[in-house]
Amino acid sequence: MFNPFKKKSALENLQDKYKKLLAEAHSLSQRDRKAGDQKMVEAEEVGKQIEALRAK
């Protein structure tokens, strides 16, 4: 049954953060390439954390 109070796992939180950073990087890259690249670096770091959690 649907549980509205269920907390997200650490992996789900990181995946949401990763998607959000990629979207921000895309929108920023259209206006400010340097800021877009910085967001991509942040997204890559989160991606590495996701891979580390999956490897466990």
C-alpha atoms as a PDB file:
ATOM      1  CA  MET A   1       0.000   0.000   0.000  1.00  0.00           C
ATOM      2  CA  PHE A   2       1.084   3.576  -0.557  1.00  0.00           C
ATOM      3  CA  ASN A   3       2.926   5.066   2.391  1.00  0.00           C
ATOM      4  CA  PRO A   4       3.209   8.883   2.202  1.00  0.00           C
ATOM      5  CA  PHE A   5       5.616   8.959   5.161  1.00  0.00           C
ATOM      6  CA  LYS A   6       8.228   6.637   3.676  1.00  0.00           C
ATOM      7  CA  LYS A   7      11.625   8.262   3.564  1.00  0.00           C
ATOM      8  CA  LYS A   8      13.807   8.048   0.508  1.00  0.00           C
ATOM      9  CA  SER A   9      16.971   6.020   0.634  1.00  0.00           C
ATOM     10  CA  ALA A  10      20.365   7.678   0.295  1.00  0.00           C
ATOM     11  CA  LEU A  11      20.623   6.332  -3.244  1.00  0.00           C
ATOM     12  CA  GLU A  12      17.263   7.831  -4.238  1.00  0.00           C
ATOM     13  CA  ASN A  13      18.253  11.197  -2.747  1.00  0.00           C
ATOM     14  CA  LEU A  14      21.522  11.193  -4.691  1.00  0.00           C
ATOM     15  CA  GLN A  15      19.758  10.249  -7.920  1.00  0.00           C
ATOM     16  CA  ASP A  16      17.321  13.136  -7.498  1.00  0.00           C
ATOM     17  CA  LYS A  17      20.194  15.509  -6.777  1.00  0.00           C
ATOM     18  CA  TYR A  18      22.070  14.219  -9.848  1.00  0.00           C
ATOM     19  CA  LYS A  19      19.077  14.809 -12.144  1.00  0.00           C
ATOM     20  CA  LYS A  20      18.574  18.287 -10.703  1.00  0.00           C
ATOM     21  CA  LEU A  21      22.231  19.219 -11.218  1.00  0.00           C
ATOM     22  CA  LEU A  22      22.189  17.970 -14.815  1.00  0.00           C
ATOM     23  CA  ALA A  23      19.100  20.051 -15.559  1.00  0.00           C
ATOM     24  CA  GLU A  24      20.689  23.128 -13.989  1.00  0.00           C
ATOM     25  CA  ALA A  25      23.914  22.539 -15.908  1.00  0.00           C
ATOM     26  CA  HIS A  26      22.017  22.313 -19.175  1.00  0.00           C
ATOM     27  CA  SER A  27      20.075  25.523 -18.603  1.00  0.00           C
ATOM     28  CA  LEU A  28      23.169  27.377 -17.394  1.00  0.00           C
ATOM     29  CA  SER A  29      25.296  26.206 -20.311  1.00  0.00           C
ATOM     30  CA  GLN A  30      22.980  28.042 -22.674  1.00  0.00           C
ATOM     31  CA  ARG A  31      23.636  31.352 -20.904  1.00  0.00           C
ATOM     32  CA  ASP A  32      26.919  30.987 -19.017  1.00  0.00           C
ATOM     33  CA  ARG A  33      29.237  28.219 -20.152  1.00  0.00           C
ATOM     34  CA  LYS A  34      31.574  28.486 -17.154  1.00  0.00           C
ATOM     35  CA  ALA A  35      28.742  28.125 -14.618  1.00  0.00           C
ATOM     36  CA  GLY A  36      27.300  25.231 -16.634  1.00  0.00           C
ATOM     37  CA  ASP A  37      30.650  23.448 -16.571  1.00  0.00           C
ATOM     38  CA  GLN A  38      30.882  23.948 -12.817  1.00  0.00           C
ATOM     39  CA  LYS A  39      27.465  22.316 -12.342  1.00  0.00           C
ATOM     40  CA  MET A  40      28.587  19.411 -14.533  1.00  0.00           C
ATOM     41  CA  VAL A  41      31.571  18.866 -12.240  1.00  0.00           C
ATOM     42  CA  GLU A  42      29.223  18.811  -9.239  1.00  0.00           C
ATOM     43  CA  ALA A  43      26.968  16.331 -11.054  1.00  0.00           C
ATOM     44  CA  GLU A  44      29.951  14.083 -11.821  1.00  0.00           C
ATOM     45  CA  GLU A  45      30.900  14.046  -8.131  1.00  0.00           C
ATOM     46  CA  VAL A  46      27.362  13.006  -7.198  1.00  0.00           C
ATOM     47  CA  GLY A  47      27.517  10.380  -9.957  1.00  0.00           C
ATOM     48  CA  LYS A  48      30.645   8.924  -8.375  1.00  0.00           C
ATOM     49  CA  GLN A  49      28.857   8.756  -5.015  1.00  0.00           C
ATOM     50  CA  ILE A  50      25.966   6.920  -6.674  1.00  0.00           C
ATOM     51  CA  GLU A  51      28.361   4.394  -8.203  1.00  0.00           C
ATOM     52  CA  ALA A  52      30.042   3.877  -4.837  1.00  0.00           C
ATOM     53  CA  LEU A  53      26.682   3.158  -3.176  1.00  0.00           C
ATOM     54  CA  ARG A  54      25.700   0.733  -5.924  1.00  0.00           C
ATOM     55  CA  ALA A  55      29.011  -1.104  -5.581  1.00  0.00           C
ATOM     56  CA  LYS A  56      28.297  -1.900  -1.924  1.00  0.00           C
END
